[in-house]
Protein backbone atom coordinates (compact mmCIF):
# COMPACT_ATOMS: atom_id res chain seq x y z
CA MET A 1 126.79 131.07 110.18
CA HIS A 2 129.76 128.68 110.18
CA ASP A 3 133.23 130.06 110.79
CA THR A 4 136.08 129.57 108.34
CA ALA A 5 137.64 126.69 110.30
CA SER A 6 134.33 124.82 110.31
CA GLU A 7 133.89 125.30 106.58
CA GLN A 8 137.40 124.03 105.92
CA PHE A 9 136.71 120.96 108.08
CA THR A 10 133.52 120.07 106.22
CA GLU A 11 135.10 120.69 102.81
CA LYS A 12 137.95 118.36 103.75
CA GLY A 13 135.39 115.84 104.96
CA ALA A 14 133.54 116.07 101.65
CA VAL A 15 136.74 115.21 99.76
CA LEU A 16 137.36 112.17 101.98
CA CYS A 17 133.75 111.01 101.66
CA GLN A 18 133.90 111.31 97.89
CA LYS A 19 137.12 109.29 97.83
CA ASN A 20 136.14 106.55 100.28
CA ASN A 21 132.49 106.01 99.32
CA ALA A 22 132.71 105.82 95.54
CA ILE A 23 131.89 102.33 94.20
CA PRO A 24 132.89 101.56 90.58
CA ASP A 25 130.07 100.74 88.17
CA ILE A 26 131.78 97.47 87.21
CA LEU A 27 131.19 96.07 90.71
CA PHE A 28 127.42 96.49 90.39
CA GLN A 29 127.57 94.44 87.19
CA GLU A 30 129.95 91.87 88.69
CA TYR A 31 127.68 91.13 91.65
CA GLY A 32 124.41 91.42 89.72
CA VAL A 33 123.15 94.36 91.77
CA ASN A 34 120.25 96.28 90.22
CA ARG A 35 120.79 99.92 91.05
CA GLY A 36 117.65 101.61 92.27
CA LEU A 37 116.05 98.15 92.54
CA ARG A 38 115.48 98.28 88.77
CA ASP A 39 116.95 96.23 85.95
CA GLN A 40 118.45 97.68 82.79
CA SER A 41 115.05 97.94 81.11
CA GLY A 42 113.67 99.89 84.07
CA LYS A 43 111.57 97.04 85.47
CA GLY A 44 111.47 97.03 89.25
CA VAL A 45 112.82 94.16 91.34
CA LEU A 46 109.92 92.23 92.87
CA THR A 47 109.84 93.00 96.61
CA GLY A 48 106.24 92.34 97.63
CA LEU A 49 102.64 91.54 96.76
CA THR A 50 99.62 93.85 96.84
CA ARG A 51 95.88 93.79 96.19
CA ILE A 52 95.59 97.58 96.09
CA SER A 53 96.55 98.58 92.55
CA GLU A 54 98.26 97.46 89.37
CA ILE A 55 100.25 99.09 86.60
CA VAL A 56 100.26 97.48 83.14
CA SER A 57 102.81 98.56 80.54
CA PHE A 58 103.68 95.25 78.80
CA ARG A 59 101.85 92.14 77.70
CA TRP A 60 103.16 88.67 76.97
CA LYS A 61 102.95 87.65 73.31
CA ASP A 62 104.53 84.40 72.13
CA GLY A 63 106.73 84.38 75.23
CA VAL A 64 107.98 87.93 74.65
CA HIS A 65 107.30 91.13 76.60
CA VAL A 66 105.55 93.49 74.19
CA PRO A 67 104.94 97.16 75.19
CA CYS A 68 101.27 98.17 75.33
CA GLU A 69 99.21 101.25 76.15
CA GLY A 70 99.63 101.95 79.84
CA GLU A 71 96.91 100.90 82.28
CA LEU A 72 96.29 101.83 85.92
CA TRP A 73 93.93 99.75 88.05
CA TYR A 74 92.61 100.51 91.55
CA ARG A 75 91.25 97.46 93.41
CA GLY A 76 90.27 95.72 90.18
CA TYR A 77 88.81 98.80 88.43
CA PRO A 78 90.51 100.69 85.57
CA ILE A 79 91.09 104.32 86.51
CA GLU A 80 89.10 105.46 83.45
CA THR A 81 85.98 103.74 84.81
CA LEU A 82 86.35 105.29 88.27
CA ILE A 83 86.67 108.79 86.80
CA ARG A 84 83.72 108.26 84.46
CA GLU A 85 81.49 107.07 87.31
CA LYS A 86 82.61 109.46 90.06
CA HIS A 87 80.13 111.41 92.19
CA GLY A 88 80.47 114.92 90.78
CA THR A 89 83.43 116.51 92.56
CA PHE A 90 83.55 113.72 95.16
CA GLY A 91 85.55 111.28 93.03
CA PHE A 92 88.52 111.59 95.38
CA GLU A 93 86.41 110.53 98.35
CA LYS A 94 84.75 107.61 96.56
CA THR A 95 88.08 106.31 95.27
CA ALA A 96 89.68 106.75 98.69
CA SER A 97 87.02 104.50 100.19
CA LEU A 98 87.67 101.92 97.48
CA LEU A 99 91.44 101.93 98.03
CA LEU A 100 91.27 101.80 101.82
CA PHE A 101 88.62 99.13 102.26
CA GLY A 102 88.93 97.19 99.00
CA GLU A 103 85.29 97.49 97.91
CA ASN A 104 83.44 100.05 95.84
CA PRO A 105 81.08 101.73 98.32
CA GLY A 106 77.33 101.77 97.88
CA GLU A 107 75.47 105.05 98.30
CA THR A 108 74.95 104.56 102.04
CA GLU A 109 78.56 103.53 102.65
CA PHE A 110 79.78 106.44 100.54
CA GLN A 111 77.77 108.98 102.54
CA GLU A 112 79.06 107.47 105.79
CA PHE A 113 82.64 107.69 104.48
CA CYS A 114 82.25 111.37 103.53
CA ALA A 115 80.64 112.20 106.88
CA GLU A 116 83.47 110.49 108.76
CA LEU A 117 86.10 112.25 106.67
CA SER A 118 84.39 115.60 107.27
CA GLN A 119 84.42 114.96 111.02
CA PHE A 120 88.22 114.73 110.95
CA ARG A 121 88.65 117.82 108.74
CA LYS A 122 89.77 119.98 111.64
CA LEU A 123 92.91 120.62 113.67
CA PRO A 124 93.35 120.68 117.47
CA PRO A 125 92.67 124.03 119.20
CA TYR A 126 95.41 126.61 118.57
CA PHE A 127 97.34 124.14 116.37
CA THR A 128 97.35 126.51 113.38
CA ARG A 129 98.71 129.36 115.51
CA ASP A 130 101.17 127.44 117.69
CA VAL A 131 102.54 124.89 115.21
CA ILE A 132 102.04 126.15 111.66
CA MET A 133 102.31 129.93 111.98
CA LYS A 134 105.24 130.06 114.43
CA ALA A 135 107.68 128.48 111.99
CA PRO A 136 106.70 129.61 108.47
CA THR A 137 108.79 128.32 105.59
CA LYS A 138 108.74 128.30 101.81
CA ASP A 139 109.20 124.52 101.98
CA ILE A 140 105.56 123.63 102.63
CA MET A 141 106.37 119.90 102.59
CA ASN A 142 108.68 120.42 105.56
CA SER A 143 105.97 122.42 107.31
CA MET A 144 103.41 119.67 106.69
CA THR A 145 105.77 116.92 107.80
CA ARG A 146 106.50 118.75 111.05
CA SER A 147 102.76 119.20 111.61
CA VAL A 148 102.06 115.51 110.96
CA LEU A 149 104.63 114.50 113.58
CA THR A 150 103.24 117.06 116.03
CA LEU A 151 99.70 115.70 115.60
CA ALA A 152 100.97 112.48 117.17
CA SER A 153 101.33 114.39 120.46
CA TYR A 154 97.56 114.90 120.52
CA ASP A 155 96.74 111.21 120.00
CA PRO A 156 96.74 109.04 123.16
CA SER A 157 96.66 105.83 121.11
CA VAL A 158 100.04 106.38 119.41
CA GLY A 159 102.19 103.31 119.75
CA LYS A 160 99.28 100.93 120.14
CA GLU A 161 99.01 98.20 117.52
CA ARG A 162 95.24 97.98 117.03
CA LEU A 163 94.28 98.08 113.37
CA SER A 164 91.29 100.31 114.13
CA ASP A 165 93.62 102.96 115.58
CA SER A 166 95.73 102.96 112.43
CA ILE A 167 92.62 103.29 110.25
CA ARG A 168 91.38 106.25 112.31
CA GLN A 169 94.80 107.92 112.13
CA CYS A 170 94.92 107.44 108.36
CA PHE A 171 91.46 108.96 108.10
CA GLN A 172 92.58 111.94 110.15
CA LEU A 173 95.64 112.57 107.97
CA ILE A 174 93.69 112.22 104.70
CA ALA A 175 91.26 114.83 106.05
CA THR A 176 93.78 117.27 107.53
CA LEU A 177 96.62 117.30 104.98
CA PRO A 178 94.79 119.88 102.79
CA LEU A 179 94.52 122.16 105.83
CA LEU A 180 98.19 121.69 106.74
CA ALA A 181 99.19 122.55 103.17
CA VAL A 182 97.03 125.64 102.66
CA TYR A 183 97.53 127.07 106.15
CA GLY A 184 101.27 126.45 105.83
CA TYR A 185 101.30 128.36 102.56
CA HIS A 186 99.30 131.29 103.98
CA ALA A 187 101.69 131.53 106.95
CA TYR A 188 104.67 131.62 104.59
CA ASN A 189 102.99 134.10 102.26
CA HIS A 190 102.20 136.43 105.17
CA TYR A 191 105.33 136.25 107.32
CA VAL A 192 107.92 135.81 104.55
CA ASN A 193 106.30 137.54 101.56
CA TYR A 194 104.56 140.19 103.71
CA ASP A 195 101.25 139.57 102.00
CA SER A 196 97.77 139.45 103.52
CA MET A 197 96.77 136.34 105.42
CA TYR A 198 93.33 134.76 105.67
CA ILE A 199 92.40 131.49 107.35
CA HIS A 200 89.11 130.03 106.14
CA GLN A 201 87.41 127.10 107.83
CA PRO A 202 86.58 124.00 105.76
CA ASP A 203 82.99 123.34 104.74
CA SER A 204 81.65 119.92 105.78
CA LYS A 205 79.41 119.80 102.70
CA LYS A 206 82.23 120.32 100.22
CA SER A 207 84.60 117.78 98.69
CA THR A 208 88.35 117.73 99.25
CA ALA A 209 88.95 119.48 95.91
CA GLU A 210 86.33 122.15 96.62
CA ASN A 211 87.64 122.76 100.12
CA PHE A 212 91.21 123.10 98.88
CA LEU A 213 90.25 125.81 96.38
CA SER A 214 88.00 127.67 98.81
CA LEU A 215 90.60 127.55 101.60
CA LEU A 216 93.30 128.82 99.26
CA ARG A 217 91.49 131.73 97.62
CA PRO A 218 90.69 135.03 99.37
CA ASP A 219 87.06 135.00 98.20
CA GLY A 220 86.67 131.23 98.51
CA GLN A 221 85.14 131.07 95.02
CA TYR A 222 85.76 128.58 92.20
CA THR A 223 84.00 127.29 89.09
CA ALA A 224 82.50 123.82 88.74
CA LEU A 225 85.08 122.96 86.06
CA GLU A 226 87.96 124.04 88.31
CA ALA A 227 86.77 121.82 91.15
CA ASN A 228 86.13 118.92 88.79
CA VAL A 229 89.59 119.13 87.18
CA LEU A 230 91.32 119.26 90.57
CA ASP A 231 89.23 116.31 91.76
CA VAL A 232 90.36 114.28 88.73
CA ALA A 233 94.01 115.28 89.29
CA LEU A 234 93.79 114.07 92.91
CA MET A 235 92.30 110.75 91.79
CA LEU A 236 95.09 110.22 89.26
CA HIS A 237 97.83 110.89 91.84
CA MET A 238 96.46 108.98 94.83
CA GLU A 239 98.04 105.58 94.15
CA HIS A 240 100.50 104.04 91.72
CA GLY A 241 101.30 100.38 92.04
CA GLY A 242 103.18 100.21 95.33
CA GLY A 243 106.71 100.28 93.95
CA ASN A 244 107.23 104.03 93.87
CA ASN A 245 109.75 105.48 96.32
CA SER A 246 107.38 107.04 98.87
CA THR A 247 104.99 104.06 98.96
CA PHE A 248 107.91 101.67 99.42
CA THR A 249 109.08 103.95 102.22
CA THR A 250 105.63 103.57 103.78
CA ARG A 251 105.97 99.79 103.63
CA VAL A 252 109.49 99.81 105.07
CA VAL A 253 108.68 102.09 108.01
CA THR A 254 105.42 100.27 108.74
CA SER A 255 107.26 96.93 108.78
CA SER A 256 109.53 98.23 111.53
CA GLY A 257 106.54 98.66 113.86
CA SER A 258 106.54 102.45 113.76
CA ASP A 259 103.34 104.50 114.24
CA THR A 260 101.12 105.99 111.54
CA TYR A 261 102.29 109.59 111.96
CA SER A 262 105.98 108.66 111.69
CA THR A 263 105.23 106.45 108.70
CA ILE A 264 103.38 109.16 106.76
CA ALA A 265 106.04 111.73 107.70
CA ALA A 266 108.70 109.42 106.25
CA ALA A 267 106.67 108.98 103.05
CA MET A 268 106.34 112.75 102.73
CA SER A 269 110.09 113.16 103.18
CA SER A 270 110.55 110.77 100.26
CA LEU A 271 107.95 112.47 98.08
CA LYS A 272 109.49 115.93 98.41
CA GLY A 273 112.64 114.75 96.64
CA ALA A 274 113.15 116.34 93.23
CA LYS A 275 113.39 112.90 91.59
CA HIS A 276 109.96 111.92 92.91
CA GLY A 277 107.34 114.55 93.68
CA GLY A 278 108.93 117.66 92.22
CA ALA A 279 108.91 116.64 88.56
CA ASN A 280 106.04 118.93 87.52
CA LEU A 281 107.98 121.95 88.80
CA LYS A 282 110.84 121.07 86.47
CA VAL A 283 108.37 120.78 83.59
CA MET A 284 107.09 124.28 84.32
CA GLU A 285 110.63 125.69 84.46
CA MET A 286 111.51 123.94 81.20
CA MET A 287 108.42 125.23 79.39
CA ALA A 288 109.15 128.78 80.54
CA ASP A 289 112.70 128.37 79.23
CA ILE A 290 111.39 127.15 75.87
CA ARG A 291 109.06 130.17 75.59
CA ALA A 292 111.99 132.47 76.36
CA HIS A 293 114.26 131.00 73.69
CA VAL A 294 111.90 129.92 70.89
CA SER A 295 110.77 132.93 68.87
CA ASP A 296 107.74 131.20 67.32
CA CYS A 297 106.07 128.67 69.61
CA THR A 298 103.98 127.39 66.71
CA ASP A 299 107.07 126.50 64.63
CA ARG A 300 107.62 122.77 65.14
CA ASP A 301 111.06 122.83 63.52
CA GLU A 302 112.29 125.58 65.85
CA ILE A 303 110.86 123.75 68.87
CA ARG A 304 112.50 120.50 67.74
CA ALA A 305 115.86 122.24 67.37
CA TYR A 306 115.66 123.66 70.88
CA LEU A 307 114.62 120.31 72.38
CA ASN A 308 117.72 118.79 70.75
CA GLN A 309 119.83 121.48 72.41
CA ILE A 310 118.30 120.53 75.78
CA LEU A 311 119.13 116.87 75.16
CA GLU A 312 122.70 117.79 74.23
CA LYS A 313 123.09 119.69 77.56
CA GLN A 314 123.64 122.97 75.70
CA THR A 315 120.80 124.88 77.37
CA PHE A 316 118.20 125.00 80.18
CA ASP A 317 119.69 123.19 83.23
CA HIS A 318 122.41 121.41 81.21
CA LYS A 319 121.37 117.97 82.46
CA GLY A 320 120.20 116.67 79.08
CA LEU A 321 116.67 115.84 80.25
CA ILE A 322 113.29 116.74 78.77
CA TYR A 323 111.15 116.76 81.87
CA GLY A 324 107.71 115.18 81.86
CA ILE A 325 108.70 112.80 79.06
CA GLY A 326 109.37 109.16 79.93
CA HIS A 327 108.49 107.03 82.93
CA ALA A 328 110.15 104.27 84.94
CA VAL A 329 107.33 101.83 84.09
CA TYR A 330 105.19 103.11 81.20
CA SER A 331 106.54 103.09 77.67
CA ILE A 332 103.87 103.69 75.01
CA SER A 333 101.63 105.88 77.18
CA ASP A 334 100.85 106.92 80.75
CA PRO A 335 97.08 106.45 81.31
CA ARG A 336 97.03 109.31 83.81
CA GLU A 337 98.44 111.70 81.22
CA ARG A 338 95.90 110.55 78.62
CA ILE A 339 93.03 111.26 81.01
CA LEU A 340 94.34 114.55 82.36
CA LYS A 341 95.01 115.91 78.88
CA GLY A 342 91.28 115.96 78.08
CA TYR A 343 90.54 118.04 81.17
CA VAL A 344 93.50 120.32 80.42
CA GLU A 345 91.93 121.17 77.08
CA GLN A 346 88.63 122.11 78.77
CA LEU A 347 90.38 124.23 81.40
CA ALA A 348 92.61 125.95 78.85
CA ALA A 349 89.51 126.95 76.87
CA GLU A 350 87.87 128.39 80.00
CA LYS A 351 91.05 130.30 80.95
CA GLY A 352 91.96 131.50 77.45
CA ARG A 353 95.25 129.54 77.47
CA GLU A 354 94.91 127.78 74.12
CA LYS A 355 98.25 129.10 72.81
CA ASP A 356 100.11 127.76 75.82
CA LEU A 357 98.35 124.43 75.39
CA GLU A 358 99.43 124.33 71.75
CA LEU A 359 103.10 124.60 72.83
CA TYR A 360 102.62 121.73 75.29
CA GLN A 361 101.07 119.63 72.54
CA HIS A 362 104.01 120.31 70.20
CA VAL A 363 106.53 119.32 72.87
CA GLU A 364 104.45 116.24 73.72
CA THR A 365 104.75 114.89 70.17
CA LEU A 366 108.26 116.12 69.31
CA ALA A 367 110.15 115.21 72.50
CA PRO A 368 109.78 111.40 72.19
CA GLU A 369 111.03 111.62 68.60
CA CYS A 370 114.08 113.66 69.66
CA ILE A 371 114.86 111.29 72.53
CA ALA A 372 114.56 108.23 70.29
CA GLU A 373 117.03 109.77 67.83
CA LYS A 374 119.65 110.69 70.42
CA ARG A 375 119.38 108.11 73.21
CA LYS A 376 119.81 104.37 73.48
CA ILE A 377 116.48 103.44 75.03
CA TYR A 378 115.30 100.03 76.16
CA LYS A 379 111.62 100.88 75.96
CA GLY A 380 109.48 103.62 74.48
CA VAL A 381 109.13 107.07 75.98
CA SER A 382 105.93 109.07 76.25
CA PRO A 383 104.59 112.00 78.30
CA ASN A 384 103.86 111.21 81.94
CA VAL A 385 101.26 112.73 84.25
CA ASP A 386 103.71 115.40 85.45
CA PHE A 387 103.89 116.87 81.94
CA TYR A 388 100.45 118.47 82.29
CA SER A 389 99.80 118.55 86.06
CA GLY A 390 101.88 121.67 86.67
CA PHE A 391 100.08 123.44 83.83
CA VAL A 392 96.75 122.48 85.42
CA TYR A 393 97.79 123.84 88.82
CA GLU A 394 99.04 127.06 87.22
CA MET A 395 95.71 127.59 85.44
CA LEU A 396 93.95 126.99 88.76
CA GLY A 397 96.01 129.78 90.32
CA ILE A 398 97.75 127.40 92.73
CA PRO A 399 101.17 128.69 93.88
CA VAL A 400 104.19 126.58 92.90
CA GLU A 401 104.96 126.05 96.59
CA LEU A 402 101.83 123.87 96.77
CA TYR A 403 102.48 121.63 93.75
CA THR A 404 104.26 118.84 95.67
CA PRO A 405 101.97 119.24 98.73
CA LEU A 406 99.02 118.60 96.39
CA PHE A 407 100.72 115.37 95.34
CA ALA A 408 100.96 114.43 99.04
CA ILE A 409 97.29 115.31 99.63
CA ALA A 410 96.38 112.76 96.96
CA ARG A 411 99.02 110.10 97.61
CA VAL A 412 98.37 109.90 101.37
CA VAL A 413 95.40 107.70 100.43
CA GLY A 414 97.67 105.21 98.69
CA TRP A 415 100.18 105.35 101.54
CA SER A 416 97.40 104.65 104.02
CA ALA A 417 96.11 101.70 102.00
CA HIS A 418 99.60 100.19 101.79
CA ARG A 419 100.23 100.76 105.50
CA ILE A 420 97.03 98.90 106.34
CA GLU A 421 97.88 96.07 103.92
CA GLU A 422 101.37 95.78 105.42
CA LEU A 423 99.93 95.63 108.95
CA VAL A 424 97.42 92.94 107.97
CA SER A 425 99.45 90.65 105.74
CA ALA A 426 103.21 91.16 106.03
CA GLY A 427 104.49 90.58 109.56
CA LYS A 428 108.23 90.73 108.86
CA ILE A 429 110.50 93.74 108.96
CA ILE A 430 111.76 94.63 105.48
CA ARG A 431 115.51 94.06 105.41
CA PRO A 432 117.21 93.71 102.00
CA ALA A 433 120.89 92.78 101.76
CA TYR A 434 123.93 94.81 100.69
CA LYS A 435 127.09 93.11 99.43
CA SER A 436 130.15 94.51 101.16
CA VAL A 437 133.00 95.55 98.86
CA MET A 438 134.98 97.03 101.73
CA GLU A 439 138.76 96.65 101.68
CA ARG A 440 140.24 95.31 104.91
CA ALA A 441 142.74 97.67 106.55
CA ASP A 442 146.07 96.53 108.02
């Protein structure tokens, strides 16, 4: 607890900081600075090159940028193809191999990859007890980040610059992040929520999606559809073009010469931000609010009216945002949302959640219309992958505390691929410039 004098000091400091750090909007325009490294249309400033993935949201036609259906490519393959041709519930593993090494693995290479990943799917002796359980917290991302940094203490090669060491460390983190997430949640659920605790061991014959579900649930059981849907969700979240905040963080920290554990910990610290990895939680909160205030969730006119109230900051969190609608890059459609929606429909049928799905579908079609009527937009808006991912996790019985950690479990593959690419091809520390608008003091 802080005493009164300390609180007064920090409050006074906050006033001074607000006064002396505010920069007028007109100066950003005057000096041609793109806030958030994005121009007015939302297009990112070009800061690097990559062979890992590509996002397509516009096409050139007669010298003009024309919006198109969104596309997501991993190493030259459209994401739709990779999901269609995945190995049962091992799509995450097959795609991870593709992203890391740049080539679609043959059957032999794929089996070797899975065996190697399984070998690393364990933690050092007493790590769960001494590191995870002794500091339980509701913030599982913080717990995981602390564990990632602690794992560096068990690795004698930390600080060495051999590429093979970085690849092994990336492998280890891809394999162990599901354990860090689930064990961290069980520790919190036991010590903070006073619930029962059970620590299952991973099964070397199961996929990442299957292991996550079996480690999380008391009986370790799951259906084939549940494992398949989670596997698809992990594939859709594992990489996204290189320009997103956490992947750029990975590039920046890697360029400084820092080690793999510190780099991934930094990326996780970025991902946990509400503007990045926590979007699906806001969607869930918003949908619950809509259910509470709309008397008939099949009445499109009543839903439209309430969405307009949200946009006008009259209700929900009063920020004027319809969460899960719109994306920094995509305009007409997010390919990840298109794919996930089909699996959502299957899962909703299995779980008896068709009515809830119907509400999501109404919001999906009505929200872009409401936004277009009330906002000046420079490109189209459409549902993004976060619109349905929270609903998927809820139907799978995954606690909300694990929503963002699941994002990290998937995205660590993309982070690893970008770290390796930065080590191989970049060579310079990333150092953008800031224009000083400081006033000289007498």
